[in-house]
């Protein structure tokens, strides 16, 4: 998995996106949510839809989500939290929100008890 935290501190460029896509390249049925972050701390979360099987990709428009009734502000950090049906949960790398039409795509690979989430 990729490191969490502030990409500016790790020398990585800041990624701002409007959409998050999750590709299920794993050997299980997957469900994911979007978590809003303050640093590395989760401050709220929103559902991103139902479960979907291997070989499918689901996308969510971050501008349509509400966290405790409020929309995201430009620069707010979010990440996906994936759950293998019948297995464990994992957190993906974070990205920053901006209403710019760009998409960050994440690939989930592995088995119900051991899987990874990587940005592609």
N, C-alpha and C. Protein backbone atom coordinates (compact mmCIF):
# COMPACT_ATOMS: atom_id res chain seq x y z
N UNK A 1 0.83 -1.18 0.00
CA UNK A 1 0.00 0.00 0.00
C UNK A 1 0.87 1.24 0.00
N UNK A 2 0.28 2.33 -0.43
CA UNK A 2 1.02 3.57 -0.47
C UNK A 2 0.94 4.26 0.88
N UNK A 3 1.90 5.12 1.18
CA UNK A 3 1.89 5.79 2.47
C UNK A 3 0.74 6.78 2.57
N UNK A 4 0.28 6.99 3.79
CA UNK A 4 -0.78 7.97 4.04
C UNK A 4 -0.13 9.28 4.47
N UNK A 5 -0.97 10.25 4.76
CA UNK A 5 -0.45 11.52 5.22
C UNK A 5 -0.40 12.55 4.12
N UNK A 6 0.33 13.58 4.33
CA UNK A 6 0.40 14.70 3.43
C UNK A 6 1.40 14.42 2.31
N UNK A 7 0.94 14.33 1.04
CA UNK A 7 1.86 14.06 -0.05
C UNK A 7 2.94 15.12 -0.21
N UNK A 8 2.64 16.35 0.14
CA UNK A 8 3.63 17.42 0.02
C UNK A 8 4.84 17.14 0.91
N UNK A 9 4.61 16.51 2.07
CA UNK A 9 5.70 16.18 2.97
C UNK A 9 6.54 15.02 2.45
N UNK A 10 5.93 14.15 1.63
CA UNK A 10 6.67 13.00 1.12
C UNK A 10 7.28 13.26 -0.25
N UNK A 11 7.14 14.47 -0.77
CA UNK A 11 7.72 14.82 -2.05
C UNK A 11 6.84 14.44 -3.24
N UNK A 12 5.65 13.89 -2.99
CA UNK A 12 4.73 13.53 -4.07
C UNK A 12 3.89 14.75 -4.43
N UNK A 13 3.52 14.89 -5.72
CA UNK A 13 2.65 16.00 -6.08
C UNK A 13 1.24 15.78 -5.52
N UNK A 14 0.58 16.85 -5.18
CA UNK A 14 -0.79 16.80 -4.67
C UNK A 14 -1.74 16.41 -5.79
N UNK A 15 -2.56 15.39 -5.60
CA UNK A 15 -3.52 14.94 -6.59
C UNK A 15 -4.90 15.45 -6.19
N UNK A 16 -5.50 16.27 -7.06
CA UNK A 16 -6.85 16.79 -6.84
C UNK A 16 -7.77 16.16 -7.86
N UNK A 17 -8.88 15.57 -7.39
CA UNK A 17 -9.81 14.88 -8.27
C UNK A 17 -11.25 15.17 -7.88
N UNK A 18 -12.15 14.96 -8.85
CA UNK A 18 -13.58 15.09 -8.60
C UNK A 18 -14.24 13.71 -8.47
N UNK A 19 -13.65 12.72 -9.13
CA UNK A 19 -14.24 11.38 -9.15
C UNK A 19 -13.24 10.37 -8.60
N UNK A 20 -13.78 9.34 -7.95
CA UNK A 20 -12.97 8.21 -7.53
C UNK A 20 -13.58 6.97 -8.16
N UNK A 21 -12.73 6.18 -8.82
CA UNK A 21 -13.14 4.91 -9.39
C UNK A 21 -12.44 3.79 -8.64
N UNK A 22 -13.16 2.72 -8.37
CA UNK A 22 -12.61 1.56 -7.68
C UNK A 22 -12.78 0.35 -8.58
N UNK A 23 -11.66 -0.22 -9.01
CA UNK A 23 -11.67 -1.40 -9.88
C UNK A 23 -11.49 -2.65 -9.03
N UNK A 24 -12.45 -3.56 -9.10
CA UNK A 24 -12.38 -4.79 -8.33
C UNK A 24 -11.63 -5.84 -9.15
N UNK A 25 -10.32 -5.92 -8.93
CA UNK A 25 -9.46 -6.91 -9.57
C UNK A 25 -9.11 -8.02 -8.60
N UNK A 26 -9.95 -8.21 -7.60
CA UNK A 26 -9.71 -9.19 -6.54
C UNK A 26 -10.56 -10.44 -6.76
N UNK A 27 -10.40 -11.39 -5.85
CA UNK A 27 -11.12 -12.65 -5.94
C UNK A 27 -12.29 -12.68 -4.95
N UNK A 28 -13.03 -11.57 -4.86
CA UNK A 28 -14.16 -11.50 -3.93
C UNK A 28 -15.10 -10.38 -4.33
N UNK A 29 -16.27 -10.37 -3.71
CA UNK A 29 -17.23 -9.29 -3.87
C UNK A 29 -16.78 -8.16 -2.96
N UNK A 30 -16.82 -6.93 -3.48
CA UNK A 30 -16.24 -5.76 -2.82
C UNK A 30 -17.29 -4.70 -2.55
N UNK A 31 -17.12 -4.02 -1.45
CA UNK A 31 -17.93 -2.84 -1.12
C UNK A 31 -16.95 -1.77 -0.65
N UNK A 32 -17.22 -0.49 -0.97
CA UNK A 32 -16.33 0.56 -0.46
C UNK A 32 -17.12 1.78 -0.05
N UNK A 33 -16.52 2.56 0.85
CA UNK A 33 -17.06 3.83 1.29
C UNK A 33 -15.99 4.89 1.06
N UNK A 34 -16.41 6.15 1.10
CA UNK A 34 -15.48 7.27 1.00
C UNK A 34 -15.37 7.90 2.39
N UNK A 35 -14.15 8.05 2.86
CA UNK A 35 -13.91 8.67 4.16
C UNK A 35 -13.29 10.04 3.98
N UNK A 36 -13.81 11.01 4.70
CA UNK A 36 -13.24 12.37 4.74
C UNK A 36 -12.23 12.41 5.87
N UNK A 37 -11.07 13.00 5.60
CA UNK A 37 -9.97 12.99 6.55
C UNK A 37 -9.60 14.38 7.05
N UNK A 38 -9.07 14.41 8.26
CA UNK A 38 -8.39 15.57 8.80
C UNK A 38 -7.02 15.06 9.20
N UNK A 39 -6.02 15.29 8.34
CA UNK A 39 -4.72 14.64 8.51
C UNK A 39 -4.90 13.16 8.21
N UNK A 40 -4.57 12.29 9.15
CA UNK A 40 -4.79 10.85 8.99
C UNK A 40 -6.03 10.37 9.74
N UNK A 41 -6.75 11.30 10.35
CA UNK A 41 -7.91 10.95 11.18
C UNK A 41 -9.20 11.05 10.36
N UNK A 42 -10.03 10.02 10.43
CA UNK A 42 -11.32 10.01 9.75
C UNK A 42 -12.28 10.89 10.53
N UNK A 43 -12.92 11.86 9.84
CA UNK A 43 -13.87 12.72 10.52
C UNK A 43 -15.31 12.46 10.09
N UNK A 44 -15.50 11.79 8.95
CA UNK A 44 -16.84 11.37 8.53
C UNK A 44 -16.69 10.44 7.33
N UNK A 45 -17.80 9.83 6.96
CA UNK A 45 -17.75 8.94 5.80
C UNK A 45 -19.10 8.93 5.11
N UNK A 46 -19.07 8.52 3.83
CA UNK A 46 -20.27 8.45 3.01
C UNK A 46 -20.25 7.14 2.23
N UNK A 47 -21.42 6.54 2.07
CA UNK A 47 -21.48 5.31 1.30
C UNK A 47 -21.25 5.62 -0.17
N UNK A 48 -20.69 4.66 -0.88
CA UNK A 48 -20.39 4.86 -2.30
C UNK A 48 -21.16 3.87 -3.17
N UNK A 49 -22.15 3.20 -2.60
CA UNK A 49 -22.93 2.25 -3.39
C UNK A 49 -22.84 0.86 -2.80
N UNK A 50 -23.49 -0.07 -3.48
CA UNK A 50 -23.55 -1.44 -3.00
C UNK A 50 -22.34 -2.26 -3.38
N UNK A 51 -22.43 -3.52 -3.03
CA UNK A 51 -21.37 -4.47 -3.33
C UNK A 51 -21.32 -4.75 -4.83
N UNK A 52 -20.11 -5.07 -5.33
CA UNK A 52 -19.97 -5.41 -6.74
C UNK A 52 -18.91 -6.48 -6.93
N UNK A 53 -19.10 -7.35 -7.93
CA UNK A 53 -18.23 -8.51 -8.10
C UNK A 53 -16.90 -8.18 -8.76
N UNK A 54 -16.01 -9.17 -8.73
CA UNK A 54 -14.71 -9.06 -9.40
C UNK A 54 -14.92 -8.77 -10.88
N UNK A 55 -14.01 -7.99 -11.44
CA UNK A 55 -14.06 -7.65 -12.86
C UNK A 55 -14.85 -6.40 -13.17
N UNK A 56 -15.45 -5.77 -12.16
CA UNK A 56 -16.21 -4.54 -12.39
C UNK A 56 -15.54 -3.34 -11.73
N UNK A 57 -15.88 -2.16 -12.23
CA UNK A 57 -15.38 -0.90 -11.68
C UNK A 57 -16.58 -0.04 -11.32
N UNK A 58 -16.51 0.60 -10.17
CA UNK A 58 -17.55 1.54 -9.76
C UNK A 58 -16.90 2.90 -9.56
N UNK A 59 -17.66 3.94 -9.91
CA UNK A 59 -17.15 5.30 -9.81
C UNK A 59 -18.12 6.14 -8.99
N UNK A 60 -17.57 7.11 -8.27
CA UNK A 60 -18.39 8.01 -7.47
C UNK A 60 -17.93 9.45 -7.73
N UNK A 61 -18.89 10.35 -7.87
CA UNK A 61 -18.62 11.77 -8.04
C UNK A 61 -18.58 12.39 -6.65
N UNK A 62 -17.41 12.80 -6.22
CA UNK A 62 -17.24 13.35 -4.88
C UNK A 62 -18.08 14.60 -4.64
N UNK A 63 -18.36 15.36 -5.69
CA UNK A 63 -19.16 16.58 -5.52
C UNK A 63 -20.60 16.27 -5.16
N UNK A 64 -21.06 15.03 -5.40
CA UNK A 64 -22.43 14.65 -5.07
C UNK A 64 -22.56 14.10 -3.65
N UNK A 65 -21.45 13.79 -3.01
CA UNK A 65 -21.49 13.22 -1.66
C UNK A 65 -21.69 14.29 -0.60
N UNK A 66 -22.30 13.89 0.50
CA UNK A 66 -22.48 14.76 1.66
C UNK A 66 -21.92 14.06 2.88
N UNK A 67 -21.15 14.80 3.65
CA UNK A 67 -20.55 14.31 4.89
C UNK A 67 -21.15 15.12 6.02
N UNK A 68 -21.96 14.47 6.84
CA UNK A 68 -22.73 15.16 7.88
C UNK A 68 -23.51 16.33 7.28
N UNK A 69 -24.07 16.10 6.10
CA UNK A 69 -24.91 17.09 5.44
C UNK A 69 -24.16 18.15 4.67
N UNK A 70 -22.85 18.12 4.65
CA UNK A 70 -22.07 19.15 3.98
C UNK A 70 -21.26 18.58 2.82
N UNK A 71 -21.15 19.39 1.77
CA UNK A 71 -20.34 19.03 0.61
C UNK A 71 -18.86 19.21 0.94
N UNK A 72 -18.01 18.60 0.15
CA UNK A 72 -16.57 18.78 0.31
C UNK A 72 -16.15 20.16 -0.15
N UNK A 73 -15.13 20.70 0.48
CA UNK A 73 -14.50 21.94 0.04
C UNK A 73 -13.26 21.57 -0.76
N UNK A 74 -12.85 22.46 -1.67
CA UNK A 74 -11.64 22.23 -2.45
C UNK A 74 -10.46 22.00 -1.50
N UNK A 75 -9.72 20.93 -1.74
CA UNK A 75 -8.57 20.60 -0.91
C UNK A 75 -8.86 19.61 0.19
N UNK A 76 -10.16 19.35 0.50
CA UNK A 76 -10.47 18.33 1.50
C UNK A 76 -9.91 16.99 1.06
N UNK A 77 -9.37 16.23 2.00
CA UNK A 77 -8.76 14.93 1.68
C UNK A 77 -9.77 13.82 1.95
N UNK A 78 -9.77 12.86 1.04
CA UNK A 78 -10.64 11.70 1.15
C UNK A 78 -9.85 10.44 0.77
N UNK A 79 -10.38 9.28 1.17
CA UNK A 79 -9.80 8.00 0.77
C UNK A 79 -10.93 6.98 0.69
N UNK A 80 -10.64 5.88 -0.01
CA UNK A 80 -11.61 4.79 0.00
C UNK A 80 -11.24 3.82 1.12
N UNK A 81 -12.28 3.22 1.67
CA UNK A 81 -12.12 2.12 2.64
C UNK A 81 -12.87 0.96 2.02
N UNK A 82 -12.13 -0.06 1.60
CA UNK A 82 -12.72 -1.21 0.93
C UNK A 82 -12.95 -2.34 1.91
N UNK A 83 -14.03 -3.08 1.67
CA UNK A 83 -14.34 -4.24 2.51
C UNK A 83 -14.62 -5.44 1.62
N UNK A 84 -13.90 -6.50 1.87
CA UNK A 84 -14.17 -7.77 1.20
C UNK A 84 -15.36 -8.42 1.89
N UNK A 85 -16.40 -8.74 1.14
CA UNK A 85 -17.55 -9.42 1.73
C UNK A 85 -17.06 -10.77 2.25
N UNK A 86 -17.23 -11.00 3.54
CA UNK A 86 -16.74 -12.21 4.18
C UNK A 86 -15.27 -12.14 4.58
N UNK A 87 -14.69 -10.92 4.55
CA UNK A 87 -13.27 -10.79 4.85
C UNK A 87 -12.95 -9.53 5.63
N UNK A 88 -11.79 -8.95 5.34
CA UNK A 88 -11.28 -7.80 6.09
C UNK A 88 -11.57 -6.48 5.38
N UNK A 89 -11.13 -5.39 6.02
CA UNK A 89 -11.24 -4.04 5.48
C UNK A 89 -9.84 -3.47 5.32
N UNK A 90 -9.69 -2.58 4.34
CA UNK A 90 -8.41 -1.89 4.13
C UNK A 90 -8.70 -0.44 3.71
N UNK A 91 -7.75 0.44 4.05
CA UNK A 91 -7.83 1.84 3.64
C UNK A 91 -6.92 2.07 2.44
N UNK A 92 -7.39 2.84 1.49
CA UNK A 92 -6.59 3.20 0.33
C UNK A 92 -5.84 4.50 0.56
N UNK A 93 -5.00 4.89 -0.38
CA UNK A 93 -4.29 6.16 -0.30
C UNK A 93 -5.28 7.33 -0.40
N UNK A 94 -4.92 8.46 0.14
CA UNK A 94 -5.82 9.62 0.10
C UNK A 94 -5.52 10.50 -1.11
N UNK A 95 -6.55 11.27 -1.49
CA UNK A 95 -6.45 12.28 -2.55
C UNK A 95 -7.18 13.52 -2.07
N UNK A 96 -6.95 14.63 -2.73
CA UNK A 96 -7.64 15.87 -2.39
C UNK A 96 -8.78 16.10 -3.38
N UNK A 97 -9.83 16.74 -2.92
CA UNK A 97 -11.00 17.02 -3.75
C UNK A 97 -10.85 18.35 -4.48
N UNK A 98 -11.28 18.37 -5.74
CA UNK A 98 -11.45 19.60 -6.52
C UNK A 98 -12.47 19.30 -7.61
N UNK A 99 -13.39 20.21 -7.89
CA UNK A 99 -14.40 19.98 -8.93
C UNK A 99 -13.82 20.21 -10.32
N UNK A 100 -12.88 19.36 -10.72
CA UNK A 100 -12.13 19.58 -11.96
C UNK A 100 -12.37 18.51 -13.03
N UNK A 101 -13.24 17.53 -12.74
CA UNK A 101 -13.53 16.49 -13.70
C UNK A 101 -12.53 15.35 -13.74
N UNK A 102 -11.43 15.45 -13.01
CA UNK A 102 -10.40 14.40 -13.01
C UNK A 102 -10.83 13.22 -12.14
N UNK A 103 -10.29 12.04 -12.45
CA UNK A 103 -10.61 10.81 -11.73
C UNK A 103 -9.35 10.15 -11.20
N UNK A 104 -9.42 9.71 -9.96
CA UNK A 104 -8.37 8.84 -9.40
C UNK A 104 -8.95 7.43 -9.40
N UNK A 105 -8.21 6.50 -10.00
CA UNK A 105 -8.66 5.12 -10.06
C UNK A 105 -7.81 4.26 -9.14
N UNK A 106 -8.48 3.43 -8.36
CA UNK A 106 -7.82 2.54 -7.42
C UNK A 106 -8.13 1.10 -7.79
N UNK A 107 -7.11 0.26 -7.74
CA UNK A 107 -7.26 -1.16 -8.04
C UNK A 107 -7.16 -1.96 -6.76
N UNK A 108 -8.16 -2.81 -6.52
CA UNK A 108 -8.16 -3.71 -5.37
C UNK A 108 -7.79 -5.09 -5.89
N UNK A 109 -6.74 -5.69 -5.30
CA UNK A 109 -6.27 -7.02 -5.72
C UNK A 109 -6.02 -7.88 -4.49
N UNK A 110 -6.30 -9.17 -4.62
CA UNK A 110 -5.98 -10.12 -3.56
C UNK A 110 -7.16 -11.00 -3.21
N UNK A 111 -7.13 -11.49 -1.97
CA UNK A 111 -8.17 -12.37 -1.46
C UNK A 111 -8.87 -11.71 -0.29
N UNK A 112 -9.92 -12.34 0.21
CA UNK A 112 -10.74 -11.71 1.25
C UNK A 112 -9.96 -11.33 2.51
N UNK A 113 -8.91 -12.07 2.83
CA UNK A 113 -8.15 -11.81 4.04
C UNK A 113 -6.85 -11.07 3.81
N UNK A 114 -6.43 -10.95 2.55
CA UNK A 114 -5.17 -10.29 2.23
C UNK A 114 -5.28 -9.61 0.87
N UNK A 115 -5.52 -8.30 0.89
CA UNK A 115 -5.64 -7.57 -0.36
C UNK A 115 -5.00 -6.20 -0.26
N UNK A 116 -4.75 -5.60 -1.42
CA UNK A 116 -4.12 -4.28 -1.48
C UNK A 116 -5.01 -3.33 -2.26
N UNK A 117 -4.80 -2.05 -2.03
CA UNK A 117 -5.49 -0.98 -2.75
C UNK A 117 -4.40 -0.03 -3.25
N UNK A 118 -4.27 0.08 -4.56
CA UNK A 118 -3.24 0.95 -5.13
C UNK A 118 -3.84 1.86 -6.19
N UNK A 119 -3.35 3.08 -6.24
CA UNK A 119 -3.78 4.02 -7.27
C UNK A 119 -3.11 3.64 -8.59
N UNK A 120 -3.91 3.61 -9.65
CA UNK A 120 -3.37 3.27 -10.97
C UNK A 120 -3.51 4.43 -11.92
